[in-house]
C-alpha atoms as a PDB file:
ATOM      1  CA  MET A   1    -138.827 -71.498 119.969  1.00  0.00           C
ATOM      2  CA  SER A   2    -139.689 -67.875 119.230  1.00  0.00           C
ATOM      3  CA  LYS A   3    -143.372 -66.918 119.082  1.00  0.00           C
ATOM      4  CA  PRO A   4    -144.901 -63.551 118.232  1.00  0.00           C
ATOM      5  CA  VAL A   5    -146.172 -61.586 121.210  1.00  0.00           C
ATOM      6  CA  ILE A   6    -149.610 -60.011 120.917  1.00  0.00           C
ATOM      7  CA  LEU A   7    -150.937 -57.511 123.436  1.00  0.00           C
ATOM      8  CA  ARG A   8    -154.651 -57.779 124.001  1.00  0.00           C
ATOM      9  CA  PRO A   9    -156.448 -54.399 124.098  1.00  0.00           C
ATOM     10  CA  ASP A  10    -156.724 -54.478 127.913  1.00  0.00           C
ATOM     11  CA  ALA A  11    -152.983 -55.061 128.209  1.00  0.00           C
ATOM     12  CA  THR A  12    -152.304 -52.163 125.841  1.00  0.00           C
ATOM     13  CA  ASN A  13    -154.481 -49.967 128.072  1.00  0.00           C
ATOM     14  CA  ASP A  14    -152.624 -51.219 131.172  1.00  0.00           C
ATOM     15  CA  LEU A  15    -149.317 -50.276 129.566  1.00  0.00           C
ATOM     16  CA  ARG A  16    -150.495 -46.796 128.567  1.00  0.00           C
ATOM     17  CA  GLU A  17    -152.033 -46.074 131.984  1.00  0.00           C
ATOM     18  CA  ALA A  18    -148.949 -47.255 133.875  1.00  0.00           C
ATOM     19  CA  SER A  19    -146.656 -45.183 131.675  1.00  0.00           C
ATOM     20  CA  GLU A  20    -148.787 -42.066 132.117  1.00  0.00           C
ATOM     21  CA  SER A  21    -148.969 -42.555 135.898  1.00  0.00           C
ATOM     22  CA  LEU A  22    -145.212 -43.017 136.150  1.00  0.00           C
ATOM     23  CA  ASN A  23    -144.605 -39.866 134.102  1.00  0.00           C
ATOM     24  CA  LEU A  24    -146.674 -37.946 136.659  1.00  0.00           C
ATOM     25  CA  ILE A  25    -144.304 -39.154 139.365  1.00  0.00           C
ATOM     26  CA  ARG A  26    -141.206 -38.150 137.413  1.00  0.00           C
ATOM     27  CA  ALA A  27    -140.750 -36.987 133.841  1.00  0.00           C
ATOM     28  CA  GLY A  28    -139.263 -39.772 131.743  1.00  0.00           C
ATOM     29  CA  LEU A  29    -140.095 -42.538 134.200  1.00  0.00           C
ATOM     30  CA  GLY A  30    -142.891 -43.777 131.927  1.00  0.00           C
ATOM     31  CA  SER A  31    -140.457 -44.099 129.024  1.00  0.00           C
ATOM     32  CA  GLN A  32    -138.042 -46.002 131.230  1.00  0.00           C
ATOM     33  CA  PHE A  33    -140.876 -48.334 132.212  1.00  0.00           C
ATOM     34  CA  LEU A  34    -141.844 -48.901 128.570  1.00  0.00           C
ATOM     35  CA  GLY A  35    -138.232 -49.826 127.804  1.00  0.00           C
ATOM     36  CA  ARG A  36    -138.199 -52.416 130.586  1.00  0.00           C
ATOM     37  CA  VAL A  37    -141.489 -53.872 129.381  1.00  0.00           C
ATOM     38  CA  ARG A  38    -140.133 -54.091 125.813  1.00  0.00           C
ATOM     39  CA  GLU A  39    -137.091 -55.977 127.123  1.00  0.00           C
ATOM     40  CA  LEU A  40    -139.310 -58.383 129.019  1.00  0.00           C
ATOM     41  CA  LEU A  41    -141.607 -58.935 126.035  1.00  0.00           C
ATOM     42  CA  SER A  42    -138.543 -59.723 123.906  1.00  0.00           C
ATOM     43  CA  ARG A  43    -137.464 -62.365 126.418  1.00  0.00           C
ATOM     44  CA  ILE A  44    -140.981 -63.799 126.466  1.00  0.00           C
ATOM     45  CA  GLU A  45    -140.998 -63.887 122.664  1.00  0.00           C
ATOM     46  CA  LEU A  46    -137.723 -65.842 122.578  1.00  0.00           C
ATOM     47  CA  MET A  47    -138.499 -68.180 125.497  1.00  0.00           C
ATOM     48  CA  PRO A  48    -142.220 -68.054 126.299  1.00  0.00           C
ATOM     49  CA  GLU A  49    -142.087 -70.904 128.797  1.00  0.00           C
ATOM     50  CA  LEU A  50    -139.212 -69.381 130.788  1.00  0.00           C
ATOM     51  CA  TYR A  51    -141.533 -67.879 133.392  1.00  0.00           C
ATOM     52  CA  GLY A  52    -143.636 -69.954 135.746  1.00  0.00           C
ATOM     53  CA  LEU A  53    -147.313 -70.741 135.773  1.00  0.00           C
ATOM     54  CA  VAL A  54    -149.328 -68.749 138.301  1.00  0.00           C
ATOM     55  CA  TRP A  55    -152.811 -70.062 137.588  1.00  0.00           C
ATOM     56  CA  GLN A  56    -153.989 -72.697 135.137  1.00  0.00           C
ATOM     57  CA  ASP A  57    -152.179 -71.850 131.850  1.00  0.00           C
ATOM     58  CA  VAL A  58    -151.329 -68.256 132.801  1.00  0.00           C
ATOM     59  CA  ARG A  59    -147.668 -67.337 133.236  1.00  0.00           C
ATOM     60  CA  ALA A  60    -146.280 -64.247 134.936  1.00  0.00           C
ATOM     61  CA  ALA A  61    -143.050 -62.302 134.579  1.00  0.00           C
ATOM     62  CA  LYS A  62    -141.938 -59.361 136.704  1.00  0.00           C
ATOM     63  CA  THR A  63    -140.455 -56.275 135.092  1.00  0.00           C
ATOM     64  CA  LYS A  64    -136.967 -55.226 136.137  1.00  0.00           C
ATOM     65  CA  GLN A  65    -136.789 -52.092 138.261  1.00  0.00           C
ATOM     66  CA  PHE A  66    -140.583 -51.749 138.424  1.00  0.00           C
ATOM     67  CA  ARG A  67    -143.180 -53.651 140.424  1.00  0.00           C
ATOM     68  CA  HIS A  68    -145.299 -54.517 137.401  1.00  0.00           C
ATOM     69  CA  ILE A  69    -146.113 -58.032 136.324  1.00  0.00           C
ATOM     70  CA  VAL A  70    -146.862 -59.235 132.807  1.00  0.00           C
ATOM     71  CA  TYR A  71    -149.494 -61.978 132.716  1.00  0.00           C
ATOM     72  CA  TYR A  72    -149.650 -64.028 129.542  1.00  0.00           C
ATOM     73  CA  LEU A  73    -150.804 -67.197 127.790  1.00  0.00           C
ATOM     74  CA  VAL A  74    -148.683 -69.348 125.487  1.00  0.00           C
ATOM     75  CA  PHE A  75    -150.400 -70.797 122.424  1.00  0.00           C
ATOM     76  CA  PRO A  76    -148.829 -73.061 119.789  1.00  0.00           C
ATOM     77  CA  ASP A  77    -148.367 -70.147 117.374  1.00  0.00           C
ATOM     78  CA  ARG A  78    -148.255 -67.041 119.584  1.00  0.00           C
ATOM     79  CA  VAL A  79    -148.096 -65.483 123.039  1.00  0.00           C
ATOM     80  CA  GLU A  80    -150.981 -63.291 124.201  1.00  0.00           C
ATOM     81  CA  ILE A  81    -150.419 -60.704 126.907  1.00  0.00           C
ATOM     82  CA  LEU A  82    -153.468 -60.557 129.184  1.00  0.00           C
ATOM     83  CA  ALA A  83    -152.403 -57.803 131.546  1.00  0.00           C
ATOM     84  CA  ILE A  84    -149.547 -55.616 132.694  1.00  0.00           C
ATOM     85  CA  LEU A  85    -150.359 -54.681 136.272  1.00  0.00           C
ATOM     86  CA  HIS A  86    -148.661 -53.330 139.363  1.00  0.00           C
ATOM     87  CA  SER A  87    -147.983 -56.182 141.766  1.00  0.00           C
ATOM     88  CA  SER A  88    -150.241 -54.617 144.413  1.00  0.00           C
ATOM     89  CA  ARG A  89    -153.305 -54.793 142.143  1.00  0.00           C
ATOM     90  CA  ASP A  90    -156.060 -57.331 142.724  1.00  0.00           C
ATOM     91  CA  PRO A  91    -155.297 -60.553 140.784  1.00  0.00           C
ATOM     92  CA  THR A  92    -158.938 -60.942 139.836  1.00  0.00           C
ATOM     93  CA  ILE A  93    -158.349 -58.135 137.320  1.00  0.00           C
ATOM     94  CA  TRP A  94    -156.266 -60.324 135.019  1.00  0.00           C
ATOM     95  CA  GLN A  95    -158.251 -63.460 135.868  1.00  0.00           C
ATOM     96  CA  SER A  96    -161.388 -61.793 134.549  1.00  0.00           C
ATOM     97  CA  ARG A  97    -159.659 -61.351 131.182  1.00  0.00           C
ATOM     98  CA  LEU A  98    -159.359 -65.045 130.381  1.00  0.00           C
END
């Protein structure tokens, strides 16, 4: 069942920072990343329980082409994105956002 996806402010900041960093590597790479994240968020919206649990009720989904992971919680009426972080980042970052 489809559920609206809501990005928490920290996740919005993660997305902006990752996009800006990728654009510094190569012009347009940040836009490509944002497109992949949008695709992933659409899949999560349609099938929120598709991706596995990584800790308690937190699920994680990896972006295609990039090494970023979307961490999220599924509620009865919505999905909340906790973090969008590079896979090399310390997992306590998203755990502190619960």
